[in-house]
N, C-alpha and C. Protein backbone atom coordinates (compact mmCIF):
# COMPACT_ATOMS: atom_id res chain seq x y z
N MET A 1 76.67 25.66 -2.73
CA MET A 1 77.24 26.96 -2.41
C MET A 1 76.13 27.84 -1.82
N SER A 2 76.41 28.50 -0.72
CA SER A 2 75.41 29.36 -0.07
C SER A 2 75.22 30.65 -0.86
N ASP A 3 74.12 31.36 -0.58
CA ASP A 3 73.89 32.65 -1.23
C ASP A 3 75.02 33.62 -0.93
N LYS A 4 75.51 33.63 0.29
CA LYS A 4 76.63 34.52 0.66
C LYS A 4 77.85 34.20 -0.20
N GLU A 5 78.15 32.93 -0.38
CA GLU A 5 79.30 32.55 -1.21
C GLU A 5 79.09 32.95 -2.67
N LYS A 6 77.86 32.84 -3.16
CA LYS A 6 77.56 33.25 -4.53
C LYS A 6 77.70 34.77 -4.69
N ILE A 7 77.29 35.51 -3.68
CA ILE A 7 77.45 36.97 -3.72
C ILE A 7 78.93 37.33 -3.66
N ASP A 8 79.70 36.64 -2.83
CA ASP A 8 81.16 36.87 -2.78
C ASP A 8 81.78 36.61 -4.16
N ALA A 9 81.34 35.55 -4.84
CA ALA A 9 81.86 35.24 -6.17
C ALA A 9 81.47 36.32 -7.17
N CYS A 10 80.25 36.83 -7.06
CA CYS A 10 79.79 37.92 -7.92
C CYS A 10 80.68 39.15 -7.72
N ASN A 11 80.97 39.48 -6.47
CA ASN A 11 81.84 40.62 -6.17
C ASN A 11 83.23 40.43 -6.76
N ALA A 12 83.78 39.24 -6.61
CA ALA A 12 85.12 38.97 -7.14
C ALA A 12 85.14 39.10 -8.66
N MET A 13 84.11 38.59 -9.34
CA MET A 13 84.05 38.69 -10.81
C MET A 13 83.89 40.14 -11.25
N PHE A 14 83.09 40.91 -10.51
CA PHE A 14 82.89 42.32 -10.86
C PHE A 14 84.19 43.10 -10.69
N GLN A 15 84.88 42.87 -9.58
CA GLN A 15 86.16 43.56 -9.35
C GLN A 15 87.18 43.20 -10.43
N GLU A 16 87.22 41.94 -10.83
CA GLU A 16 88.14 41.52 -11.88
C GLU A 16 87.79 42.19 -13.21
N ALA A 17 86.51 42.28 -13.52
CA ALA A 17 86.08 42.96 -14.75
C ALA A 17 86.50 44.43 -14.71
N LEU A 18 86.36 45.08 -13.55
CA LEU A 18 86.80 46.48 -13.42
C LEU A 18 88.30 46.61 -13.63
N ARG A 19 89.07 45.72 -13.00
CA ARG A 19 90.53 45.76 -13.13
C ARG A 19 90.96 45.61 -14.59
N GLN A 20 90.23 44.81 -15.34
CA GLN A 20 90.57 44.57 -16.73
C GLN A 20 89.97 45.62 -17.68
N GLY A 21 89.17 46.53 -17.14
CA GLY A 21 88.53 47.53 -17.98
C GLY A 21 87.48 46.94 -18.90
N ASP A 22 86.84 45.85 -18.48
CA ASP A 22 85.87 45.13 -19.29
C ASP A 22 84.45 45.64 -19.00
N ALA A 23 84.07 46.71 -19.69
CA ALA A 23 82.76 47.34 -19.47
C ALA A 23 81.62 46.40 -19.82
N ASP A 24 81.79 45.56 -20.85
CA ASP A 24 80.74 44.60 -21.21
C ASP A 24 80.44 43.65 -20.07
N ARG A 25 81.49 43.13 -19.46
CA ARG A 25 81.30 42.18 -18.36
C ARG A 25 80.73 42.87 -17.12
N CYS A 26 81.16 44.12 -16.86
CA CYS A 26 80.59 44.88 -15.74
C CYS A 26 79.08 45.02 -15.92
N ALA A 27 78.65 45.43 -17.12
CA ALA A 27 77.22 45.61 -17.38
C ALA A 27 76.47 44.29 -17.32
N ALA A 28 77.10 43.21 -17.76
CA ALA A 28 76.45 41.89 -17.75
C ALA A 28 76.19 41.40 -16.32
N MET A 29 76.85 41.99 -15.36
CA MET A 29 76.66 41.58 -13.96
C MET A 29 75.58 42.42 -13.27
N CYS A 30 74.84 43.19 -14.10
CA CYS A 30 73.75 44.02 -13.59
C CYS A 30 72.45 43.60 -14.26
N THR A 31 71.34 43.77 -13.56
CA THR A 31 70.04 43.51 -14.17
C THR A 31 69.78 44.56 -15.25
N GLU A 32 68.88 44.25 -16.18
CA GLU A 32 68.56 45.18 -17.27
C GLU A 32 68.09 46.54 -16.74
N ASP A 33 67.39 46.53 -15.60
CA ASP A 33 66.84 47.77 -15.05
C ASP A 33 67.71 48.34 -13.91
N ALA A 34 68.94 47.91 -13.82
CA ALA A 34 69.83 48.36 -12.74
C ALA A 34 70.04 49.86 -12.80
N VAL A 35 70.32 50.42 -11.63
CA VAL A 35 70.62 51.85 -11.53
C VAL A 35 71.83 52.03 -10.63
N MET A 36 72.75 52.89 -11.05
CA MET A 36 73.90 53.24 -10.23
C MET A 36 73.81 54.73 -9.93
N MET A 37 74.08 55.07 -8.68
CA MET A 37 73.91 56.45 -8.24
C MET A 37 75.23 57.01 -7.72
N PRO A 38 76.02 57.58 -8.64
CA PRO A 38 77.27 58.21 -8.22
C PRO A 38 76.98 59.52 -7.51
N PRO A 39 77.90 59.97 -6.68
CA PRO A 39 77.68 61.24 -5.97
C PRO A 39 77.73 62.42 -6.94
N ASN A 40 76.88 63.39 -6.66
CA ASN A 40 76.90 64.67 -7.39
C ASN A 40 76.72 64.49 -8.89
N ALA A 41 75.95 63.49 -9.30
CA ALA A 41 75.72 63.21 -10.72
C ALA A 41 74.36 62.54 -10.87
N PRO A 42 73.79 62.62 -12.06
CA PRO A 42 72.51 61.93 -12.27
C PRO A 42 72.67 60.42 -12.19
N PRO A 43 71.61 59.71 -11.86
CA PRO A 43 71.67 58.25 -11.85
C PRO A 43 72.04 57.71 -13.23
N ILE A 44 72.69 56.56 -13.22
CA ILE A 44 73.04 55.84 -14.45
C ILE A 44 72.08 54.67 -14.52
N GLU A 45 71.15 54.70 -15.48
CA GLU A 45 70.06 53.75 -15.49
C GLU A 45 70.14 52.80 -16.68
N GLY A 46 70.08 51.50 -16.40
CA GLY A 46 70.05 50.47 -17.43
C GLY A 46 71.43 49.99 -17.83
N CYS A 47 71.47 48.77 -18.36
CA CYS A 47 72.74 48.12 -18.72
C CYS A 47 73.56 48.90 -19.72
N GLU A 48 72.93 49.46 -20.74
CA GLU A 48 73.70 50.19 -21.76
C GLU A 48 74.37 51.42 -21.18
N ALA A 49 73.66 52.16 -20.34
CA ALA A 49 74.24 53.34 -19.71
C ALA A 49 75.36 52.94 -18.74
N ILE A 50 75.16 51.84 -18.02
CA ILE A 50 76.19 51.35 -17.10
C ILE A 50 77.43 50.93 -17.88
N LYS A 51 77.23 50.26 -19.00
CA LYS A 51 78.35 49.86 -19.86
C LYS A 51 79.13 51.09 -20.34
N ARG A 52 78.43 52.13 -20.80
CA ARG A 52 79.11 53.36 -21.25
C ARG A 52 79.89 53.99 -20.11
N HIS A 53 79.32 53.98 -18.90
CA HIS A 53 80.00 54.56 -17.74
C HIS A 53 81.32 53.83 -17.46
N PHE A 54 81.27 52.52 -17.41
CA PHE A 54 82.48 51.76 -17.10
C PHE A 54 83.49 51.78 -18.24
N ALA A 55 83.03 51.96 -19.47
CA ALA A 55 83.95 52.05 -20.61
C ALA A 55 84.84 53.29 -20.49
N LYS A 56 84.34 54.34 -19.85
CA LYS A 56 85.11 55.58 -19.67
C LYS A 56 86.26 55.40 -18.66
N LEU A 57 86.12 54.43 -17.78
CA LEU A 57 87.09 54.26 -16.70
C LEU A 57 88.37 53.59 -17.17
N GLY A 58 88.27 52.67 -18.13
CA GLY A 58 89.45 51.97 -18.62
C GLY A 58 90.00 51.01 -17.59
N PRO A 59 91.04 50.27 -17.98
CA PRO A 59 91.61 49.28 -17.05
C PRO A 59 92.36 49.94 -15.90
N ASP A 60 92.28 49.33 -14.78
CA ASP A 60 92.99 49.81 -13.59
C ASP A 60 93.33 48.58 -12.76
N SER A 61 94.58 48.40 -12.44
CA SER A 61 95.01 47.15 -11.81
C SER A 61 94.90 47.16 -10.29
N SER A 62 94.41 48.23 -9.69
CA SER A 62 94.45 48.26 -8.24
C SER A 62 93.15 48.71 -7.60
N ILE A 63 92.08 48.05 -7.96
CA ILE A 63 90.81 48.30 -7.27
C ILE A 63 90.54 47.16 -6.31
N SER A 64 90.03 47.49 -5.15
CA SER A 64 89.64 46.44 -4.21
C SER A 64 88.47 46.93 -3.38
N ALA A 65 87.67 46.00 -2.93
CA ALA A 65 86.53 46.32 -2.08
C ALA A 65 86.56 45.41 -0.87
N GLU A 66 86.42 46.02 0.27
CA GLU A 66 86.31 45.26 1.51
C GLU A 66 84.83 45.26 1.90
N ILE A 67 84.21 44.12 1.75
CA ILE A 67 82.78 43.99 2.08
C ILE A 67 82.66 43.86 3.59
N SER A 68 81.92 44.80 4.19
CA SER A 68 81.81 44.78 5.65
C SER A 68 80.53 44.10 6.14
N LYS A 69 79.52 44.03 5.26
CA LYS A 69 78.27 43.43 5.69
C LYS A 69 77.49 42.97 4.47
N VAL A 70 76.92 41.77 4.56
CA VAL A 70 76.01 41.24 3.53
C VAL A 70 74.81 40.67 4.26
N GLU A 71 73.63 41.10 3.86
CA GLU A 71 72.39 40.56 4.41
C GLU A 71 71.53 40.06 3.26
N VAL A 72 71.04 38.85 3.37
CA VAL A 72 70.19 38.24 2.35
C VAL A 72 68.78 38.13 2.88
N PHE A 73 67.81 38.58 2.08
CA PHE A 73 66.39 38.52 2.42
C PHE A 73 65.66 37.87 1.25
N GLY A 74 65.67 36.57 1.19
CA GLY A 74 65.01 35.85 0.11
C GLY A 74 65.73 36.09 -1.22
N GLU A 75 65.05 36.76 -2.15
CA GLU A 75 65.60 36.99 -3.49
C GLU A 75 66.40 38.29 -3.59
N LEU A 76 66.44 39.07 -2.50
CA LEU A 76 67.20 40.32 -2.48
C LEU A 76 68.27 40.28 -1.41
N ALA A 77 69.33 41.02 -1.66
CA ALA A 77 70.41 41.15 -0.67
C ALA A 77 70.97 42.56 -0.77
N TYR A 78 71.56 43.02 0.32
CA TYR A 78 72.30 44.27 0.27
C TYR A 78 73.67 44.04 0.88
N GLN A 79 74.61 44.88 0.46
CA GLN A 79 75.95 44.81 1.03
C GLN A 79 76.51 46.21 1.21
N LEU A 80 77.35 46.34 2.22
CA LEU A 80 78.09 47.57 2.49
C LEU A 80 79.55 47.27 2.23
N SER A 81 80.24 48.21 1.60
CA SER A 81 81.66 47.98 1.32
C SER A 81 82.45 49.28 1.35
N ARG A 82 83.74 49.12 1.55
CA ARG A 82 84.73 50.21 1.46
C ARG A 82 85.58 49.87 0.25
N VAL A 83 85.59 50.76 -0.73
CA VAL A 83 86.28 50.53 -1.99
C VAL A 83 87.50 51.44 -2.08
N SER A 84 88.62 50.89 -2.49
CA SER A 84 89.81 51.71 -2.75
C SER A 84 90.20 51.51 -4.21
N TRP A 85 90.64 52.60 -4.83
CA TRP A 85 90.99 52.59 -6.24
C TRP A 85 92.22 53.47 -6.42
N ALA A 86 93.33 52.85 -6.79
CA ALA A 86 94.57 53.60 -7.02
C ALA A 86 94.70 53.89 -8.51
N SER A 87 94.95 55.16 -8.82
CA SER A 87 95.10 55.59 -10.19
C SER A 87 95.93 56.86 -10.22
N ASP A 88 96.83 56.96 -11.18
CA ASP A 88 97.67 58.15 -11.33
C ASP A 88 98.40 58.53 -10.05
N GLY A 89 98.84 57.54 -9.30
CA GLY A 89 99.60 57.79 -8.08
C GLY A 89 98.76 58.20 -6.88
N ASN A 90 97.45 58.22 -7.03
CA ASN A 90 96.56 58.58 -5.92
C ASN A 90 95.65 57.41 -5.60
N THR A 91 95.36 57.24 -4.32
CA THR A 91 94.39 56.24 -3.91
C THR A 91 93.18 56.97 -3.36
N LYS A 92 92.02 56.59 -3.89
CA LYS A 92 90.77 57.19 -3.44
C LYS A 92 89.94 56.10 -2.78
N TYR A 93 89.12 56.52 -1.83
CA TYR A 93 88.27 55.60 -1.10
C TYR A 93 86.84 56.09 -1.16
N THR A 94 85.92 55.16 -1.14
CA THR A 94 84.51 55.51 -1.06
C THR A 94 83.78 54.37 -0.37
N ASP A 95 82.66 54.69 0.23
CA ASP A 95 81.80 53.68 0.83
C ASP A 95 80.63 53.46 -0.11
N ALA A 96 80.22 52.20 -0.26
CA ALA A 96 79.17 51.86 -1.22
C ALA A 96 78.08 51.02 -0.56
N LEU A 97 76.89 51.17 -1.09
CA LEU A 97 75.74 50.35 -0.72
C LEU A 97 75.22 49.74 -2.02
N ASP A 98 75.18 48.41 -2.08
CA ASP A 98 74.72 47.70 -3.26
C ASP A 98 73.52 46.85 -2.91
N VAL A 99 72.60 46.74 -3.87
CA VAL A 99 71.46 45.83 -3.77
C VAL A 99 71.62 44.82 -4.89
N LEU A 100 71.46 43.54 -4.57
CA LEU A 100 71.57 42.47 -5.55
C LEU A 100 70.28 41.66 -5.57
N ARG A 101 69.98 41.06 -6.74
CA ARG A 101 68.79 40.22 -6.87
C ARG A 101 69.21 38.84 -7.34
N LYS A 102 68.65 37.82 -6.69
CA LYS A 102 68.91 36.44 -7.06
C LYS A 102 68.21 36.12 -8.37
N GLN A 103 68.92 35.45 -9.27
CA GLN A 103 68.38 35.09 -10.58
C GLN A 103 67.82 33.66 -10.54
N ALA A 104 67.08 33.30 -11.56
CA ALA A 104 66.45 31.97 -11.63
C ALA A 104 67.48 30.85 -11.53
N ASP A 105 68.71 31.09 -12.04
CA ASP A 105 69.75 30.05 -12.00
C ASP A 105 70.52 30.03 -10.68
N GLY A 106 70.11 30.89 -9.72
CA GLY A 106 70.77 30.93 -8.42
C GLY A 106 71.89 31.94 -8.32
N SER A 107 72.29 32.53 -9.43
CA SER A 107 73.34 33.56 -9.40
C SER A 107 72.76 34.88 -8.91
N TRP A 108 73.61 35.84 -8.65
CA TRP A 108 73.20 37.15 -8.16
C TRP A 108 73.69 38.23 -9.11
N LEU A 109 72.85 39.25 -9.34
CA LEU A 109 73.22 40.40 -10.17
C LEU A 109 72.93 41.68 -9.40
N PHE A 110 73.69 42.73 -9.72
CA PHE A 110 73.49 44.03 -9.10
C PHE A 110 72.22 44.68 -9.65
N VAL A 111 71.41 45.24 -8.74
CA VAL A 111 70.18 45.95 -9.08
C VAL A 111 70.38 47.44 -8.89
N ALA A 112 71.10 47.81 -7.83
CA ALA A 112 71.32 49.21 -7.51
C ALA A 112 72.63 49.35 -6.76
N SER A 113 73.27 50.49 -6.97
CA SER A 113 74.51 50.78 -6.28
C SER A 113 74.60 52.29 -6.06
N ALA A 114 74.96 52.68 -4.86
CA ALA A 114 75.17 54.09 -4.55
C ALA A 114 76.46 54.21 -3.77
N TRP A 115 77.23 55.26 -4.04
CA TRP A 115 78.46 55.46 -3.30
C TRP A 115 78.61 56.92 -2.95
N ASN A 116 79.36 57.19 -1.89
CA ASN A 116 79.48 58.56 -1.39
C ASN A 116 80.65 59.29 -2.04
N SER A 117 80.74 60.57 -1.79
CA SER A 117 81.77 61.38 -2.43
C SER A 117 82.82 61.89 -1.46
N SER A 118 82.70 61.62 -0.20
CA SER A 118 83.65 62.12 0.77
C SER A 118 85.02 61.50 0.55
N GLY A 119 85.88 62.21 -0.16
CA GLY A 119 87.20 61.68 -0.49
C GLY A 119 87.14 60.56 -1.49
N GLY A 120 86.00 60.43 -2.18
CA GLY A 120 85.79 59.31 -3.09
C GLY A 120 86.24 59.58 -4.50
N PHE A 121 85.69 58.81 -5.41
CA PHE A 121 86.10 58.83 -6.80
C PHE A 121 85.68 60.10 -7.51
N ASP A 122 86.48 60.53 -8.48
CA ASP A 122 86.04 61.54 -9.42
C ASP A 122 85.10 60.84 -10.38
N GLN A 123 84.02 61.47 -10.73
CA GLN A 123 83.05 60.84 -11.62
C GLN A 123 83.15 61.45 -13.01
N ALA A 124 83.52 60.64 -13.97
CA ALA A 124 83.58 61.08 -15.37
C ALA A 124 82.20 60.89 -15.97
N GLN A 125 81.55 61.96 -16.32
CA GLN A 125 80.19 61.87 -16.90
C GLN A 125 80.22 62.28 -18.35
């Protein structure tokens, strides 16, 4: 399996964990030192903080991400995506930039993620 295919699988597993409201699995797909940077809010640093963040979101059956670009540079990769999330009768969109790091076993984990606020998600802090 190519690195691109492994990153695609990582994305699919992360989206499924989000749909199921599984904060533990979301955090497990991030490195221990991962950071997420939501718009208009302080960074969310480390697995425990990321887990708490995703636990607030709860299950949602209609999240999807359209990955528009993936570039791999050795042990690091970045991707650009357009994410849609339907909740309470509203669909919100945001653009995201993710950085992933290849692990010793060949899998990929999220290291950093930033997303914009232009018509994007409400951030529960």
